[in-house]
Amino acid sequence: MDETKNHPTPQDIIRNIDIFKDFDNETIDEKIRIARMKAIKDGVDKDALNTAVSAYARHLLLVTYFASNGGITSATTLGQSFQNVDLTKSDPFLDEYNQISSDFGNSGQWKGLFL
Protein backbone atom coordinates (compact mmCIF):
# COMPACT_ATOMS: atom_id res chain seq x y z
CA MET A 1 0.00 0.00 0.00
CA ASP A 2 1.37 3.41 -0.93
CA GLU A 3 1.26 5.39 2.31
CA THR A 4 1.75 8.69 0.42
CA LYS A 5 -1.72 8.51 -1.15
CA ASN A 6 -4.60 10.27 0.60
CA HIS A 7 -6.48 7.03 1.21
CA PRO A 8 -6.96 3.56 -0.22
CA THR A 9 -9.28 3.15 -3.21
CA PRO A 10 -11.94 0.46 -3.56
CA GLN A 11 -9.59 -1.34 -5.96
CA ASP A 12 -6.86 -1.30 -3.29
CA ILE A 13 -9.26 -2.88 -0.82
CA ILE A 14 -10.62 -5.70 -2.98
CA ARG A 15 -7.26 -6.54 -4.61
CA ASN A 16 -7.41 -10.24 -5.44
CA ILE A 17 -9.93 -11.15 -2.76
CA ASP A 18 -12.72 -12.89 -4.65
CA ILE A 19 -15.41 -12.61 -1.98
CA PHE A 20 -15.17 -8.79 -2.12
CA LYS A 21 -15.52 -8.42 -5.89
CA ASP A 22 -19.33 -8.18 -5.80
CA PHE A 23 -19.36 -5.18 -3.46
CA ASP A 24 -20.06 -1.87 -5.18
CA ASN A 25 -17.72 1.11 -4.84
CA GLU A 26 -20.21 3.00 -2.68
CA THR A 27 -20.21 0.22 -0.06
CA ILE A 28 -16.43 -0.10 -0.15
CA ASP A 29 -15.99 3.68 0.14
CA GLU A 30 -18.26 3.67 3.21
CA LYS A 31 -16.14 0.93 4.83
CA ILE A 32 -12.97 2.90 3.97
CA ARG A 33 -14.45 6.01 5.62
CA ILE A 34 -15.38 4.08 8.78
CA ALA A 35 -12.00 2.33 8.86
CA ARG A 36 -10.19 5.66 8.51
CA MET A 37 -12.11 7.12 11.46
CA LYS A 38 -11.27 4.03 13.53
CA ALA A 39 -7.55 4.14 12.68
CA ILE A 40 -7.33 7.87 13.42
CA LYS A 41 -9.18 7.37 16.72
CA ASP A 42 -6.72 4.58 17.57
CA GLY A 43 -3.84 6.98 16.93
CA VAL A 44 -2.25 5.05 14.06
CA ASP A 45 0.80 6.91 12.71
CA LYS A 46 0.32 8.58 9.33
CA ASP A 47 3.08 6.31 7.95
CA ALA A 48 0.93 3.23 8.63
CA LEU A 49 -2.51 4.81 8.27
CA ASN A 50 -3.39 3.53 4.77
CA THR A 51 -2.33 -0.01 5.62
CA ALA A 52 -4.42 0.07 8.80
CA VAL A 53 -7.40 1.53 6.93
CA SER A 54 -7.16 -1.20 4.28
CA ALA A 55 -7.02 -3.97 6.87
CA TYR A 56 -9.97 -2.62 8.87
CA ALA A 57 -12.05 -1.92 5.74
CA ARG A 58 -11.48 -5.54 4.67
CA HIS A 59 -12.57 -6.68 8.13
CA LEU A 60 -15.78 -4.64 7.77
CA LEU A 61 -16.39 -6.09 4.31
CA LEU A 62 -15.84 -9.60 5.64
CA VAL A 63 -18.40 -9.02 8.38
CA THR A 64 -20.85 -7.64 5.81
CA TYR A 65 -20.20 -10.57 3.45
CA PHE A 66 -20.73 -13.08 6.22
CA ALA A 67 -23.91 -11.36 7.46
CA SER A 68 -25.34 -11.12 3.93
CA ASN A 69 -24.87 -14.86 3.52
CA GLY A 70 -26.97 -15.60 6.58
CA GLY A 71 -24.05 -16.15 8.92
CA ILE A 72 -24.20 -19.88 8.25
CA THR A 73 -20.95 -21.73 8.91
CA SER A 74 -22.22 -25.29 8.37
CA ALA A 75 -25.32 -27.17 7.30
CA THR A 76 -26.51 -30.74 6.85
CA THR A 77 -29.31 -31.73 4.49
CA LEU A 78 -30.33 -35.24 3.50
CA GLY A 79 -27.11 -36.64 4.87
CA GLN A 80 -24.92 -34.16 2.99
CA SER A 81 -22.75 -31.79 5.02
CA PHE A 82 -21.36 -28.43 4.02
CA GLN A 83 -18.81 -26.45 6.01
CA ASN A 84 -17.93 -22.82 5.28
CA VAL A 85 -14.70 -21.39 6.54
CA ASP A 86 -15.75 -19.75 9.79
CA LEU A 87 -13.88 -16.45 9.86
CA THR A 88 -15.93 -15.20 12.78
CA LYS A 89 -13.52 -16.99 15.11
CA SER A 90 -10.33 -15.86 13.40
CA ASP A 91 -10.53 -12.83 11.12
CA PRO A 92 -7.12 -12.31 9.44
CA PHE A 93 -8.00 -8.74 8.48
CA LEU A 94 -8.93 -7.79 12.03
CA ASP A 95 -5.79 -9.53 13.30
CA GLU A 96 -3.72 -7.48 10.84
CA TYR A 97 -5.42 -4.24 11.91
CA ASN A 98 -4.91 -5.01 15.60
CA GLN A 99 -1.22 -5.68 15.00
CA ILE A 100 -0.77 -2.42 13.06
CA SER A 101 -2.71 -0.50 15.70
CA SER A 102 -0.59 -2.05 18.43
CA ASP A 103 2.67 -1.31 16.63
CA PHE A 104 1.88 2.13 15.18
CA GLY A 105 -0.98 3.54 17.24
CA ASN A 106 -1.88 4.31 20.78
CA SER A 107 -4.79 1.82 20.86
CA GLY A 108 -6.06 3.70 23.86
CA GLN A 109 -2.98 2.62 25.81
CA TRP A 110 -0.16 4.73 27.11
CA LYS A 111 3.15 3.50 25.67
CA GLY A 112 5.48 5.87 27.50
CA LEU A 113 7.96 5.21 30.26
CA PHE A 114 6.83 5.24 33.83
CA LEU A 115 9.43 6.50 36.26
C-alpha atoms as a PDB file:
ATOM      1  CA  MET A   1       0.000   0.000   0.000  1.00  0.00           C
ATOM      2  CA  ASP A   2       1.371   3.407  -0.932  1.00  0.00           C
ATOM      3  CA  GLU A   3       1.264   5.392   2.313  1.00  0.00           C
ATOM      4  CA  THR A   4       1.753   8.693   0.416  1.00  0.00           C
ATOM      5  CA  LYS A   5      -1.722   8.506  -1.152  1.00  0.00           C
ATOM      6  CA  ASN A   6      -4.595  10.270   0.596  1.00  0.00           C
ATOM      7  CA  HIS A   7      -6.484   7.034   1.209  1.00  0.00           C
ATOM      8  CA  PRO A   8      -6.956   3.560  -0.223  1.00  0.00           C
ATOM      9  CA  THR A   9      -9.283   3.150  -3.212  1.00  0.00           C
ATOM     10  CA  PRO A  10     -11.943   0.460  -3.557  1.00  0.00           C
ATOM     11  CA  GLN A  11      -9.593  -1.337  -5.963  1.00  0.00           C
ATOM     12  CA  ASP A  12      -6.855  -1.299  -3.285  1.00  0.00           C
ATOM     13  CA  ILE A  13      -9.264  -2.878  -0.821  1.00  0.00           C
ATOM     14  CA  ILE A  14     -10.624  -5.698  -2.976  1.00  0.00           C
ATOM     15  CA  ARG A  15      -7.255  -6.538  -4.612  1.00  0.00           C
ATOM     16  CA  ASN A  16      -7.408 -10.242  -5.438  1.00  0.00           C
ATOM     17  CA  ILE A  17      -9.929 -11.149  -2.757  1.00  0.00           C
ATOM     18  CA  ASP A  18     -12.720 -12.888  -4.651  1.00  0.00           C
ATOM     19  CA  ILE A  19     -15.414 -12.611  -1.976  1.00  0.00           C
ATOM     20  CA  PHE A  20     -15.172  -8.787  -2.117  1.00  0.00           C
ATOM     21  CA  LYS A  21     -15.523  -8.417  -5.891  1.00  0.00           C
ATOM     22  CA  ASP A  22     -19.333  -8.182  -5.797  1.00  0.00           C
ATOM     23  CA  PHE A  23     -19.360  -5.179  -3.459  1.00  0.00           C
ATOM     24  CA  ASP A  24     -20.063  -1.871  -5.184  1.00  0.00           C
ATOM     25  CA  ASN A  25     -17.719   1.106  -4.840  1.00  0.00           C
ATOM     26  CA  GLU A  26     -20.209   2.997  -2.678  1.00  0.00           C
ATOM     27  CA  THR A  27     -20.214   0.216  -0.065  1.00  0.00           C
ATOM     28  CA  ILE A  28     -16.434  -0.100  -0.155  1.00  0.00           C
ATOM     29  CA  ASP A  29     -15.992   3.681   0.140  1.00  0.00           C
ATOM     30  CA  GLU A  30     -18.256   3.665   3.210  1.00  0.00           C
ATOM     31  CA  LYS A  31     -16.143   0.933   4.826  1.00  0.00           C
ATOM     32  CA  ILE A  32     -12.969   2.896   3.972  1.00  0.00           C
ATOM     33  CA  ARG A  33     -14.449   6.009   5.622  1.00  0.00           C
ATOM     34  CA  ILE A  34     -15.376   4.083   8.779  1.00  0.00           C
ATOM     35  CA  ALA A  35     -11.996   2.333   8.857  1.00  0.00           C
ATOM     36  CA  ARG A  36     -10.186   5.662   8.506  1.00  0.00           C
ATOM     37  CA  MET A  37     -12.114   7.116  11.456  1.00  0.00           C
ATOM     38  CA  LYS A  38     -11.270   4.027  13.531  1.00  0.00           C
ATOM     39  CA  ALA A  39      -7.554   4.138  12.679  1.00  0.00           C
ATOM     40  CA  ILE A  40      -7.333   7.869  13.423  1.00  0.00           C
ATOM     41  CA  LYS A  41      -9.178   7.374  16.721  1.00  0.00           C
ATOM     42  CA  ASP A  42      -6.717   4.580  17.572  1.00  0.00           C
ATOM     43  CA  GLY A  43      -3.840   6.981  16.933  1.00  0.00           C
ATOM     44  CA  VAL A  44      -2.249   5.051  14.057  1.00  0.00           C
ATOM     45  CA  ASP A  45       0.804   6.914  12.709  1.00  0.00           C
ATOM     46  CA  LYS A  46       0.322   8.576   9.333  1.00  0.00           C
ATOM     47  CA  ASP A  47       3.075   6.311   7.946  1.00  0.00           C
ATOM     48  CA  ALA A  48       0.933   3.227   8.631  1.00  0.00           C
ATOM     49  CA  LEU A  49      -2.513   4.809   8.268  1.00  0.00           C
ATOM     50  CA  ASN A  50      -3.389   3.530   4.771  1.00  0.00           C
ATOM     51  CA  THR A  51      -2.327  -0.009   5.617  1.00  0.00           C
ATOM     52  CA  ALA A  52      -4.416   0.067   8.798  1.00  0.00           C
ATOM     53  CA  VAL A  53      -7.399   1.531   6.929  1.00  0.00           C
ATOM     54  CA  SER A  54      -7.158  -1.196   4.284  1.00  0.00           C
ATOM     55  CA  ALA A  55      -7.018  -3.973   6.871  1.00  0.00           C
ATOM     56  CA  TYR A  56      -9.972  -2.621   8.865  1.00  0.00           C
ATOM     57  CA  ALA A  57     -12.047  -1.925   5.736  1.00  0.00           C
ATOM     58  CA  ARG A  58     -11.480  -5.541   4.670  1.00  0.00           C
ATOM     59  CA  HIS A  59     -12.570  -6.679   8.130  1.00  0.00           C
ATOM     60  CA  LEU A  60     -15.783  -4.644   7.771  1.00  0.00           C
ATOM     61  CA  LEU A  61     -16.393  -6.094   4.308  1.00  0.00           C
ATOM     62  CA  LEU A  62     -15.837  -9.600   5.638  1.00  0.00           C
ATOM     63  CA  VAL A  63     -18.404  -9.017   8.384  1.00  0.00           C
ATOM     64  CA  THR A  64     -20.847  -7.643   5.809  1.00  0.00           C
ATOM     65  CA  TYR A  65     -20.196 -10.569   3.453  1.00  0.00           C
ATOM     66  CA  PHE A  66     -20.727 -13.077   6.225  1.00  0.00           C
ATOM     67  CA  ALA A  67     -23.908 -11.355   7.458  1.00  0.00           C
ATOM     68  CA  SER A  68     -25.339 -11.121   3.931  1.00  0.00           C
ATOM     69  CA  ASN A  69     -24.875 -14.864   3.521  1.00  0.00           C
ATOM     70  CA  GLY A  70     -26.971 -15.601   6.581  1.00  0.00           C
ATOM     71  CA  GLY A  71     -24.051 -16.154   8.917  1.00  0.00           C
ATOM     72  CA  ILE A  72     -24.197 -19.881   8.251  1.00  0.00           C
ATOM     73  CA  THR A  73     -20.949 -21.735   8.910  1.00  0.00           C
ATOM     74  CA  SER A  74     -22.221 -25.294   8.367  1.00  0.00           C
ATOM     75  CA  ALA A  75     -25.323 -27.175   7.296  1.00  0.00           C
ATOM     76  CA  THR A  76     -26.507 -30.736   6.849  1.00  0.00           C
ATOM     77  CA  THR A  77     -29.312 -31.730   4.491  1.00  0.00           C
ATOM     78  CA  LEU A  78     -30.333 -35.240   3.502  1.00  0.00           C
ATOM     79  CA  GLY A  79     -27.111 -36.640   4.870  1.00  0.00           C
ATOM     80  CA  GLN A  80     -24.918 -34.161   2.994  1.00  0.00           C
ATOM     81  CA  SER A  81     -22.748 -31.789   5.023  1.00  0.00           C
ATOM     82  CA  PHE A  82     -21.364 -28.430   4.020  1.00  0.00           C
ATOM     83  CA  GLN A  83     -18.813 -26.447   6.011  1.00  0.00           C
ATOM     84  CA  ASN A  84     -17.933 -22.818   5.283  1.00  0.00           C
ATOM     85  CA  VAL A  85     -14.696 -21.388   6.537  1.00  0.00           C
ATOM     86  CA  ASP A  86     -15.748 -19.747   9.792  1.00  0.00           C
ATOM     87  CA  LEU A  87     -13.878 -16.448   9.860  1.00  0.00           C
ATOM     88  CA  THR A  88     -15.932 -15.199  12.782  1.00  0.00           C
ATOM     89  CA  LYS A  89     -13.523 -16.989  15.109  1.00  0.00           C
ATOM     90  CA  SER A  90     -10.327 -15.860  13.399  1.00  0.00           C
ATOM     91  CA  ASP A  91     -10.530 -12.830  11.120  1.00  0.00           C
ATOM     92  CA  PRO A  92      -7.123 -12.308   9.444  1.00  0.00           C
ATOM     93  CA  PHE A  93      -8.000  -8.735   8.475  1.00  0.00           C
ATOM     94  CA  LEU A  94      -8.925  -7.792  12.035  1.00  0.00           C
ATOM     95  CA  ASP A  95      -5.787  -9.532  13.304  1.00  0.00           C
ATOM     96  CA  GLU A  96      -3.716  -7.479  10.838  1.00  0.00           C
ATOM     97  CA  TYR A  97      -5.421  -4.236  11.912  1.00  0.00           C
ATOM     98  CA  ASN A  98      -4.914  -5.008  15.597  1.00  0.00           C
ATOM     99  CA  GLN A  99      -1.219  -5.680  15.003  1.00  0.00           C
ATOM    100  CA  ILE A 100      -0.767  -2.424  13.062  1.00  0.00           C
ATOM    101  CA  SER A 101      -2.714  -0.505  15.696  1.00  0.00           C
ATOM    102  CA  SER A 102      -0.594  -2.050  18.431  1.00  0.00           C
ATOM    103  CA  ASP A 103       2.672  -1.308  16.634  1.00  0.00           C
ATOM    104  CA  PHE A 104       1.882   2.129  15.182  1.00  0.00           C
ATOM    105  CA  GLY A 105      -0.977   3.542  17.244  1.00  0.00           C
ATOM    106  CA  ASN A 106      -1.880   4.311  20.783  1.00  0.00           C
ATOM    107  CA  SER A 107      -4.792   1.818  20.861  1.00  0.00           C
ATOM    108  CA  GLY A 108      -6.056   3.697  23.858  1.00  0.00           C
ATOM    109  CA  GLN A 109      -2.982   2.623  25.805  1.00  0.00           C
ATOM    110  CA  TRP A 110      -0.156   4.730  27.114  1.00  0.00           C
ATOM    111  CA  LYS A 111       3.155   3.501  25.674  1.00  0.00           C
ATOM    112  CA  GLY A 112       5.477   5.870  27.502  1.00  0.00           C
ATOM    113  CA  LEU A 113       7.961   5.208  30.258  1.00  0.00           C
ATOM    114  CA  PHE A 114       6.832   5.236  33.832  1.00  0.00           C
ATOM    115  CA  LEU A 115       9.433   6.498  36.264  1.00  0.00           C
END
